[in-house]
Amino acid sequence: MAGRVVLFGASGFTGALTARELVARGVAPVLAGRSRDRLERLRDELGRDDLEIAIADAADPPSVRRLVERGDVLITTVGPFQRYGYAALEAAVAAPCTYLDSTGEPPFMRAVFEEYGPRAQAAGAALMTAMGYDYVPGNLAAALAVEEAGEDAARVDIGYFVDGPPSPSAMSGGTRASLVGVIGEPSFAFRDGGIRSERAARRVRTFRTSKGARKAVSVGGSEHYALPRSFPQLEQVNVYLGWFAALSRPM
């Protein structure tokens, strides 16, 4: 039956958090992943023995393709996305269906917008990438700021920070793996009215916040693609990551 919500990677760290939030909001997702035992344990924890379980592995793209049909919603938290994310993208375009992911990896986001976006539009699929801490808040906050500034707004800078000292142990295993996987990859930014390739951390910016001056390094983000589409007067979009505090400039 079409119109289901399929959660791929449900038994992982981010997937389980997503499953709990979906169920709390009255949604009955299909719990999909590699391990039936782990998915069944999650279903027991959720207290919902009516939830469907589906077995799929990103290393076996046909199994991912079988997860969704036309009109479904596919949510994927399977990362690192540069390594494991493309099977779900292909499945969403082929169905076609609505797709959301939790990536924070700039090269993967770029592929979604530039390579898969046109294919999805032609097929009738909808792709929404980076639907998490990075980079939904920045898109929303920047949109509000540009709307308030009006037609004279030509540049917007977005900074992401966390409270407390930076610590690898505070990240999930998936986040650490994603960070390691993309740290040396080419990045991008919206400059002079278009997407330009540039290395990550090419720029360092200091933000004045309620917690004092905080440094951050430039990174690729979905804001580079999304904001100019809504606000064509923008000539420059900058996204900065402030996880590294005093290490920002050495990076």
C-alpha atoms as a PDB file:
ATOM      1  CA  MET A   1       0.000   0.000   0.000  1.00  0.00           C
ATOM      2  CA  ALA A   2       1.416   3.373  -1.022  1.00  0.00           C
ATOM      3  CA  GLY A   3       1.637   6.291   1.342  1.00  0.00           C
ATOM      4  CA  ARG A   4       3.744   4.601   4.032  1.00  0.00           C
ATOM      5  CA  VAL A   5       6.612   6.151   5.972  1.00  0.00           C
ATOM      6  CA  VAL A   6       9.683   3.913   5.677  1.00  0.00           C
ATOM      7  CA  LEU A   7      12.553   4.547   8.097  1.00  0.00           C
ATOM      8  CA  PHE A   8      15.773   3.055   6.720  1.00  0.00           C
ATOM      9  CA  GLY A   9      18.477   2.640   9.358  1.00  0.00           C
ATOM     10  CA  ALA A  10      15.881   2.527  12.132  1.00  0.00           C
ATOM     11  CA  SER A  11      18.006   0.539  14.585  1.00  0.00           C
ATOM     12  CA  GLY A  12      21.014   2.887  14.426  1.00  0.00           C
ATOM     13  CA  PHE A  13      21.581   5.784  16.831  1.00  0.00           C
ATOM     14  CA  THR A  14      19.883   8.502  14.749  1.00  0.00           C
ATOM     15  CA  GLY A  15      17.351   6.078  13.299  1.00  0.00           C
ATOM     16  CA  ALA A  16      16.125   4.985  16.740  1.00  0.00           C
ATOM     17  CA  LEU A  17      15.756   8.618  17.839  1.00  0.00           C
ATOM     18  CA  THR A  18      13.752   9.293  14.680  1.00  0.00           C
ATOM     19  CA  ALA A  19      11.572   6.231  15.223  1.00  0.00           C
ATOM     20  CA  ARG A  20      10.712   7.341  18.750  1.00  0.00           C
ATOM     21  CA  GLU A  21       9.746  10.821  17.575  1.00  0.00           C
ATOM     22  CA  LEU A  22       7.625   9.484  14.711  1.00  0.00           C
ATOM     23  CA  VAL A  23       5.724   7.119  17.011  1.00  0.00           C
ATOM     24  CA  ALA A  24       5.245   9.888  19.590  1.00  0.00           C
ATOM     25  CA  ARG A  25       3.558  11.925  16.859  1.00  0.00           C
ATOM     26  CA  GLY A  26       1.183   9.159  15.839  1.00  0.00           C
ATOM     27  CA  VAL A  27       3.126   7.926  12.781  1.00  0.00           C
ATOM     28  CA  ALA A  28       3.560   4.172  12.275  1.00  0.00           C
ATOM     29  CA  PRO A  29       6.803   3.857  10.296  1.00  0.00           C
ATOM     30  CA  VAL A  30       8.081   0.739   8.596  1.00  0.00           C
ATOM     31  CA  LEU A  31      11.267  -0.108  10.517  1.00  0.00           C
ATOM     32  CA  ALA A  32      13.925  -0.979   7.933  1.00  0.00           C
ATOM     33  CA  GLY A  33      17.538  -2.036   8.307  1.00  0.00           C
ATOM     34  CA  ARG A  34      20.024  -4.909   8.117  1.00  0.00           C
ATOM     35  CA  SER A  35      19.358  -6.712  11.397  1.00  0.00           C
ATOM     36  CA  ARG A  36      15.966  -8.232  12.111  1.00  0.00           C
ATOM     37  CA  ASP A  37      16.929  -8.847  15.744  1.00  0.00           C
ATOM     38  CA  ARG A  38      17.818  -5.198  16.352  1.00  0.00           C
ATOM     39  CA  LEU A  39      14.693  -3.985  14.576  1.00  0.00           C
ATOM     40  CA  GLU A  40      12.524  -6.315  16.654  1.00  0.00           C
ATOM     41  CA  ARG A  41      14.172  -5.045  19.849  1.00  0.00           C
ATOM     42  CA  LEU A  42      13.454  -1.469  18.764  1.00  0.00           C
ATOM     43  CA  ARG A  43       9.840  -2.368  18.043  1.00  0.00           C
ATOM     44  CA  ASP A  44       9.549  -3.882  21.534  1.00  0.00           C
ATOM     45  CA  GLU A  45      11.072  -0.736  23.079  1.00  0.00           C
ATOM     46  CA  LEU A  46       8.553   1.378  21.208  1.00  0.00           C
ATOM     47  CA  GLY A  47       5.706  -0.765  22.510  1.00  0.00           C
ATOM     48  CA  ARG A  48       4.254  -1.085  19.021  1.00  0.00           C
ATOM     49  CA  ASP A  49       4.065  -4.706  17.904  1.00  0.00           C
ATOM     50  CA  ASP A  50       1.981  -3.580  14.930  1.00  0.00           C
ATOM     51  CA  LEU A  51       4.943  -1.877  13.243  1.00  0.00           C
ATOM     52  CA  GLU A  52       6.113  -3.540  10.044  1.00  0.00           C
ATOM     53  CA  ILE A  53       9.746  -4.641   9.743  1.00  0.00           C
ATOM     54  CA  ALA A  54      11.663  -4.713   6.442  1.00  0.00           C
ATOM     55  CA  ILE A  55      15.178  -6.011   5.827  1.00  0.00           C
ATOM     56  CA  ALA A  56      17.444  -3.997   3.518  1.00  0.00           C
ATOM     57  CA  ASP A  57      21.164  -3.322   3.221  1.00  0.00           C
ATOM     58  CA  ALA A  58      22.805  -0.339   1.514  1.00  0.00           C
ATOM     59  CA  ALA A  59      25.396  -2.777   0.140  1.00  0.00           C
ATOM     60  CA  ASP A  60      22.524  -4.509  -1.689  1.00  0.00           C
ATOM     61  CA  PRO A  61      20.790  -1.694  -3.651  1.00  0.00           C
ATOM     62  CA  PRO A  62      17.916  -3.897  -4.956  1.00  0.00           C
ATOM     63  CA  SER A  63      16.923  -4.620  -1.340  1.00  0.00           C
ATOM     64  CA  VAL A  64      16.676  -0.878  -0.690  1.00  0.00           C
ATOM     65  CA  ARG A  65      14.728  -0.345  -3.895  1.00  0.00           C
ATOM     66  CA  ARG A  66      12.131  -2.874  -2.688  1.00  0.00           C
ATOM     67  CA  LEU A  67      11.452  -0.791   0.417  1.00  0.00           C
ATOM     68  CA  VAL A  68       9.414   1.919  -1.292  1.00  0.00           C
ATOM     69  CA  GLU A  69       6.642   2.369  -3.805  1.00  0.00           C
ATOM     70  CA  ARG A  70       5.183   5.403  -5.540  1.00  0.00           C
ATOM     71  CA  GLY A  71       3.855   7.880  -3.018  1.00  0.00           C
ATOM     72  CA  ASP A  72       5.770   6.565   0.008  1.00  0.00           C
ATOM     73  CA  VAL A  73       8.046   8.641   2.235  1.00  0.00           C
ATOM     74  CA  LEU A  74      11.576   7.284   2.641  1.00  0.00           C
ATOM     75  CA  ILE A  75      13.563   8.585   5.621  1.00  0.00           C
ATOM     76  CA  THR A  76      17.166   7.406   5.697  1.00  0.00           C
ATOM     77  CA  THR A  77      19.722   7.772   8.472  1.00  0.00           C
ATOM     78  CA  VAL A  78      22.216   5.286   6.989  1.00  0.00           C
ATOM     79  CA  GLY A  79      25.668   6.836   6.842  1.00  0.00           C
ATOM     80  CA  PRO A  80      28.323   7.812   6.208  1.00  0.00           C
ATOM     81  CA  PHE A  81      26.263   8.961   3.257  1.00  0.00           C
ATOM     82  CA  GLN A  82      29.142   9.294   0.831  1.00  0.00           C
ATOM     83  CA  ARG A  83      29.682   5.564   1.279  1.00  0.00           C
ATOM     84  CA  TYR A  84      26.212   4.188   1.976  1.00  0.00           C
ATOM     85  CA  GLY A  85      23.701   6.862   0.983  1.00  0.00           C
ATOM     86  CA  TYR A  86      23.283   6.463  -2.756  1.00  0.00           C
ATOM     87  CA  ALA A  87      21.198   3.284  -2.718  1.00  0.00           C
ATOM     88  CA  ALA A  88      18.367   5.113  -0.938  1.00  0.00           C
ATOM     89  CA  LEU A  89      18.626   8.071  -3.316  1.00  0.00           C
ATOM     90  CA  GLU A  90      18.340   5.774  -6.316  1.00  0.00           C
ATOM     91  CA  ALA A  91      15.381   3.994  -4.733  1.00  0.00           C
ATOM     92  CA  ALA A  92      13.534   7.262  -4.091  1.00  0.00           C
ATOM     93  CA  VAL A  93      13.961   8.480  -7.662  1.00  0.00           C
ATOM     94  CA  ALA A  94      12.960   5.120  -9.122  1.00  0.00           C
ATOM     95  CA  ALA A  95       9.790   4.756  -7.006  1.00  0.00           C
ATOM     96  CA  PRO A  96       9.215   7.791  -7.198  1.00  0.00           C
ATOM     97  CA  CYS A  97       8.622   8.920  -3.627  1.00  0.00           C
ATOM     98  CA  THR A  98       9.440  11.622  -1.096  1.00  0.00           C
ATOM     99  CA  TYR A  99      12.919  11.312   0.374  1.00  0.00           C
ATOM    100  CA  LEU A 100      14.504  12.791   3.524  1.00  0.00           C
ATOM    101  CA  ASP A 101      17.962  12.148   4.947  1.00  0.00           C
ATOM    102  CA  SER A 102      19.978  13.178   7.991  1.00  0.00           C
ATOM    103  CA  THR A 103      23.315  13.789   6.277  1.00  0.00           C
ATOM    104  CA  GLY A 104      25.701  16.548   7.243  1.00  0.00           C
ATOM    105  CA  GLU A 105      28.214  15.666   4.506  1.00  0.00           C
ATOM    106  CA  PRO A 106      28.720  18.487   1.960  1.00  0.00           C
ATOM    107  CA  PRO A 107      29.813  16.279  -0.977  1.00  0.00           C
ATOM    108  CA  PHE A 108      26.699  14.150  -0.607  1.00  0.00           C
ATOM    109  CA  MET A 109      24.438  17.203  -0.409  1.00  0.00           C
ATOM    110  CA  ARG A 110      26.027  18.547  -3.565  1.00  0.00           C
ATOM    111  CA  ALA A 111      25.255  15.303  -5.372  1.00  0.00           C
ATOM    112  CA  VAL A 112      21.635  15.459  -4.219  1.00  0.00           C
ATOM    113  CA  PHE A 113      21.144  18.969  -5.584  1.00  0.00           C
ATOM    114  CA  GLU A 114      23.201  18.789  -8.754  1.00  0.00           C
ATOM    115  CA  GLU A 115      23.016  15.160  -9.903  1.00  0.00           C
ATOM    116  CA  TYR A 116      19.860  13.697  -8.412  1.00  0.00           C
ATOM    117  CA  GLY A 117      17.710  16.821  -8.236  1.00  0.00           C
ATOM    118  CA  PRO A 118      17.041  17.064 -11.996  1.00  0.00           C
ATOM    119  CA  ARG A 119      16.355  13.317 -12.200  1.00  0.00           C
ATOM    120  CA  ALA A 120      13.976  13.492  -9.260  1.00  0.00           C
ATOM    121  CA  GLN A 121      12.078  16.418 -10.749  1.00  0.00           C
ATOM    122  CA  ALA A 122      11.633  14.566 -14.036  1.00  0.00           C
ATOM    123  CA  ALA A 123      10.457  11.416 -12.241  1.00  0.00           C
ATOM    124  CA  GLY A 124       8.116  13.158  -9.821  1.00  0.00           C
ATOM    125  CA  ALA A 125      10.160  12.459  -6.684  1.00  0.00           C
ATOM    126  CA  ALA A 126      10.919  15.033  -3.976  1.00  0.00           C
ATOM    127  CA  LEU A 127      14.360  15.048  -2.345  1.00  0.00           C
ATOM    128  CA  MET A 128      15.021  16.803   0.972  1.00  0.00           C
ATOM    129  CA  THR A 129      18.583  16.412   2.160  1.00  0.00           C
ATOM    130  CA  ALA A 130      20.351  17.414   5.400  1.00  0.00           C
ATOM    131  CA  MET A 131      17.135  17.501   7.407  1.00  0.00           C
ATOM    132  CA  GLY A 132      18.722  17.684  10.845  1.00  0.00           C
ATOM    133  CA  TYR A 133      20.723  19.946  13.150  1.00  0.00           C
ATOM    134  CA  ASP A 134      22.770  20.668  10.091  1.00  0.00           C
ATOM    135  CA  TYR A 135      21.315  22.322   8.142  1.00  0.00           C
ATOM    136  CA  VAL A 136      17.639  23.043   8.845  1.00  0.00           C
ATOM    137  CA  PRO A 137      18.086  25.694  11.596  1.00  0.00           C
ATOM    138  CA  GLY A 138      20.473  27.736   9.441  1.00  0.00           C
ATOM    139  CA  ASN A 139      18.120  27.747   6.478  1.00  0.00           C
ATOM    140  CA  LEU A 140      15.200  28.891   8.631  1.00  0.00           C
ATOM    141  CA  ALA A 141      17.118  31.531  10.603  1.00  0.00           C
ATOM    142  CA  ALA A 142      18.789  32.913   7.487  1.00  0.00           C
ATOM    143  CA  ALA A 143      15.479  33.077   5.633  1.00  0.00           C
ATOM    144  CA  LEU A 144      13.955  35.113   8.469  1.00  0.00           C
ATOM    145  CA  ALA A 145      16.972  37.448   8.507  1.00  0.00           C
ATOM    146  CA  VAL A 146      16.940  37.998   4.742  1.00  0.00           C
ATOM    147  CA  GLU A 147      13.191  38.565   4.717  1.00  0.00           C
ATOM    148  CA  GLU A 148      13.631  41.243   7.385  1.00  0.00           C
ATOM    149  CA  ALA A 149      16.556  42.847   5.540  1.00  0.00           C
ATOM    150  CA  GLY A 150      14.608  42.964   2.283  1.00  0.00           C
ATOM    151  CA  GLU A 151      15.830  43.391  -1.272  1.00  0.00           C
ATOM    152  CA  ASP A 152      19.081  45.042  -0.187  1.00  0.00           C
ATOM    153  CA  ALA A 153      20.325  41.821   1.425  1.00  0.00           C
ATOM    154  CA  ALA A 154      23.280  40.585  -0.646  1.00  0.00           C
ATOM    155  CA  ARG A 155      25.088  38.315   1.820  1.00  0.00           C
ATOM    156  CA  VAL A 156      24.166  36.067   4.716  1.00  0.00           C
ATOM    157  CA  ASP A 157      26.481  34.270   7.176  1.00  0.00           C
ATOM    158  CA  ILE A 158      25.293  31.257   9.194  1.00  0.00           C
ATOM    159  CA  GLY A 159      27.209  29.764  12.128  1.00  0.00           C
ATOM    160  CA  TYR A 160      26.632  26.425  13.892  1.00  0.00           C
ATOM    161  CA  PHE A 161      27.844  25.987  17.467  1.00  0.00           C
ATOM    162  CA  VAL A 162      27.421  23.595  20.376  1.00  0.00           C
ATOM    163  CA  ASP A 163      27.575  24.463  24.049  1.00  0.00           C
ATOM    164  CA  GLY A 164      30.431  23.058  26.091  1.00  0.00           C
ATOM    165  CA  PRO A 165      33.974  22.112  25.060  1.00  0.00           C
ATOM    166  CA  PRO A 166      34.415  20.310  21.714  1.00  0.00           C
ATOM    167  CA  SER A 167      34.711  16.569  22.277  1.00  0.00           C
ATOM    168  CA  PRO A 168      34.735  13.682  19.797  1.00  0.00           C
ATOM    169  CA  SER A 169      33.100  11.522  22.478  1.00  0.00           C
ATOM    170  CA  ALA A 170      30.055  13.805  22.384  1.00  0.00           C
ATOM    171  CA  MET A 171      29.397  12.807  18.770  1.00  0.00           C
ATOM    172  CA  SER A 172      27.638   9.624  17.707  1.00  0.00           C
ATOM    173  CA  GLY A 173      29.718   7.011  15.920  1.00  0.00           C
ATOM    174  CA  GLY A 174      27.994   7.896  12.662  1.00  0.00           C
ATOM    175  CA  THR A 175      28.814  11.583  13.035  1.00  0.00           C
ATOM    176  CA  ARG A 176      32.465  10.820  13.722  1.00  0.00           C
ATOM    177  CA  ALA A 177      32.648   8.518  10.695  1.00  0.00           C
ATOM    178  CA  SER A 178      31.023  11.155   8.478  1.00  0.00           C
ATOM    179  CA  LEU A 179      33.427  13.852   9.698  1.00  0.00           C
ATOM    180  CA  VAL A 180      36.469  11.695   9.016  1.00  0.00           C
ATOM    181  CA  GLY A 181      35.118  10.751   5.597  1.00  0.00           C
ATOM    182  CA  VAL A 182      34.618  14.298   4.315  1.00  0.00           C
ATOM    183  CA  ILE A 183      37.344  16.303   6.078  1.00  0.00           C
ATOM    184  CA  GLY A 184      39.656  16.114   3.054  1.00  0.00           C
ATOM    185  CA  GLU A 185      36.974  16.241   0.359  1.00  0.00           C
ATOM    186  CA  PRO A 186      36.431  19.349  -1.823  1.00  0.00           C
ATOM    187  CA  SER A 187      33.714  21.608  -0.465  1.00  0.00           C
ATOM    188  CA  PHE A 188      31.728  24.496  -1.958  1.00  0.00           C
ATOM    189  CA  ALA A 189      30.101  27.856  -1.279  1.00  0.00           C
ATOM    190  CA  PHE A 190      27.734  30.286  -2.975  1.00  0.00           C
ATOM    191  CA  ARG A 191      29.890  33.189  -4.188  1.00  0.00           C
ATOM    192  CA  ASP A 192      29.309  35.863  -6.830  1.00  0.00           C
ATOM    193  CA  GLY A 193      25.909  34.481  -7.698  1.00  0.00           C
ATOM    194  CA  GLY A 194      26.858  30.808  -8.149  1.00  0.00           C
ATOM    195  CA  ILE A 195      28.164  27.632  -6.515  1.00  0.00           C
ATOM    196  CA  ARG A 196      31.964  27.628  -6.369  1.00  0.00           C
ATOM    197  CA  SER A 197      34.233  24.765  -5.356  1.00  0.00           C
ATOM    198  CA  GLU A 198      36.603  25.484  -2.489  1.00  0.00           C
ATOM    199  CA  ARG A 199      38.263  23.515   0.272  1.00  0.00           C
ATOM    200  CA  ALA A 200      36.605  23.214   3.657  1.00  0.00           C
ATOM    201  CA  ALA A 201      37.860  25.640   6.323  1.00  0.00           C
ATOM    202  CA  ARG A 202      39.125  28.067   3.709  1.00  0.00           C
ATOM    203  CA  ARG A 203      37.663  30.911   5.766  1.00  0.00           C
ATOM    204  CA  VAL A 204      37.525  31.575   9.483  1.00  0.00           C
ATOM    205  CA  ARG A 205      34.953  33.944  10.949  1.00  0.00           C
ATOM    206  CA  THR A 206      34.373  35.192  14.470  1.00  0.00           C
ATOM    207  CA  PHE A 207      30.738  35.418  15.575  1.00  0.00           C
ATOM    208  CA  ARG A 208      29.710  37.705  18.411  1.00  0.00           C
ATOM    209  CA  THR A 209      27.279  35.691  20.531  1.00  0.00           C
ATOM    210  CA  SER A 210      25.732  35.814  23.984  1.00  0.00           C
ATOM    211  CA  LYS A 211      28.532  33.474  25.079  1.00  0.00           C
ATOM    212  CA  GLY A 212      31.238  35.767  23.716  1.00  0.00           C
ATOM    213  CA  ALA A 213      33.345  35.686  20.573  1.00  0.00           C
ATOM    214  CA  ARG A 214      33.283  32.279  18.883  1.00  0.00           C
ATOM    215  CA  LYS A 215      35.361  31.216  15.893  1.00  0.00           C
ATOM    216  CA  ALA A 216      34.118  28.945  13.125  1.00  0.00           C
ATOM    217  CA  VAL A 217      35.404  27.510   9.829  1.00  0.00           C
ATOM    218  CA  SER A 218      33.643  27.609   6.467  1.00  0.00           C
ATOM    219  CA  VAL A 219      31.867  24.466   5.246  1.00  0.00           C
ATOM    220  CA  GLY A 220      29.478  23.453   2.500  1.00  0.00           C
ATOM    221  CA  GLY A 221      25.801  23.373   3.447  1.00  0.00           C
ATOM    222  CA  SER A 222      22.347  23.080   1.934  1.00  0.00           C
ATOM    223  CA  GLU A 223      21.946  26.834   2.546  1.00  0.00           C
ATOM    224  CA  HIS A 224      24.255  27.488  -0.415  1.00  0.00           C
ATOM    225  CA  TYR A 225      21.662  25.902  -2.693  1.00  0.00           C
ATOM    226  CA  ALA A 226      18.364  26.587  -0.951  1.00  0.00           C
ATOM    227  CA  LEU A 227      18.627  30.239   0.073  1.00  0.00           C
ATOM    228  CA  PRO A 228      19.491  31.742  -3.346  1.00  0.00           C
ATOM    229  CA  ARG A 229      16.513  29.910  -4.835  1.00  0.00           C
ATOM    230  CA  SER A 230      14.193  31.685  -2.420  1.00  0.00           C
ATOM    231  CA  PHE A 231      16.114  34.970  -2.357  1.00  0.00           C
ATOM    232  CA  PRO A 232      17.640  35.644  -5.791  1.00  0.00           C
ATOM    233  CA  GLN A 233      19.083  38.973  -4.590  1.00  0.00           C
ATOM    234  CA  LEU A 234      21.726  37.074  -2.589  1.00  0.00           C
ATOM    235  CA  GLU A 235      25.230  37.216  -4.032  1.00  0.00           C
ATOM    236  CA  GLN A 236      27.011  35.330  -1.244  1.00  0.00           C
ATOM    237  CA  VAL A 237      26.029  32.652   1.288  1.00  0.00           C
ATOM    238  CA  ASN A 238      28.494  31.558   3.966  1.00  0.00           C
ATOM    239  CA  VAL A 239      28.080  28.594   6.302  1.00  0.00           C
ATOM    240  CA  TYR A 240      30.438  28.102   9.244  1.00  0.00           C
ATOM    241  CA  LEU A 241      30.952  25.270  11.716  1.00  0.00           C
ATOM    242  CA  GLY A 242      32.050  26.264  15.212  1.00  0.00           C
ATOM    243  CA  TRP A 243      32.677  22.842  16.743  1.00  0.00           C
ATOM    244  CA  PHE A 244      36.435  23.317  16.929  1.00  0.00           C
ATOM    245  CA  ALA A 245      36.672  26.522  18.999  1.00  0.00           C
ATOM    246  CA  ALA A 246      40.332  27.613  19.303  1.00  0.00           C
ATOM    247  CA  LEU A 247      41.365  24.965  16.779  1.00  0.00           C
ATOM    248  CA  SER A 248      39.407  26.690  14.003  1.00  0.00           C
ATOM    249  CA  ARG A 249      42.283  28.762  12.667  1.00  0.00           C
ATOM    250  CA  PRO A 250      44.854  25.906  12.754  1.00  0.00           C
ATOM    251  CA  MET A 251      42.403  23.811  10.758  1.00  0.00           C
END
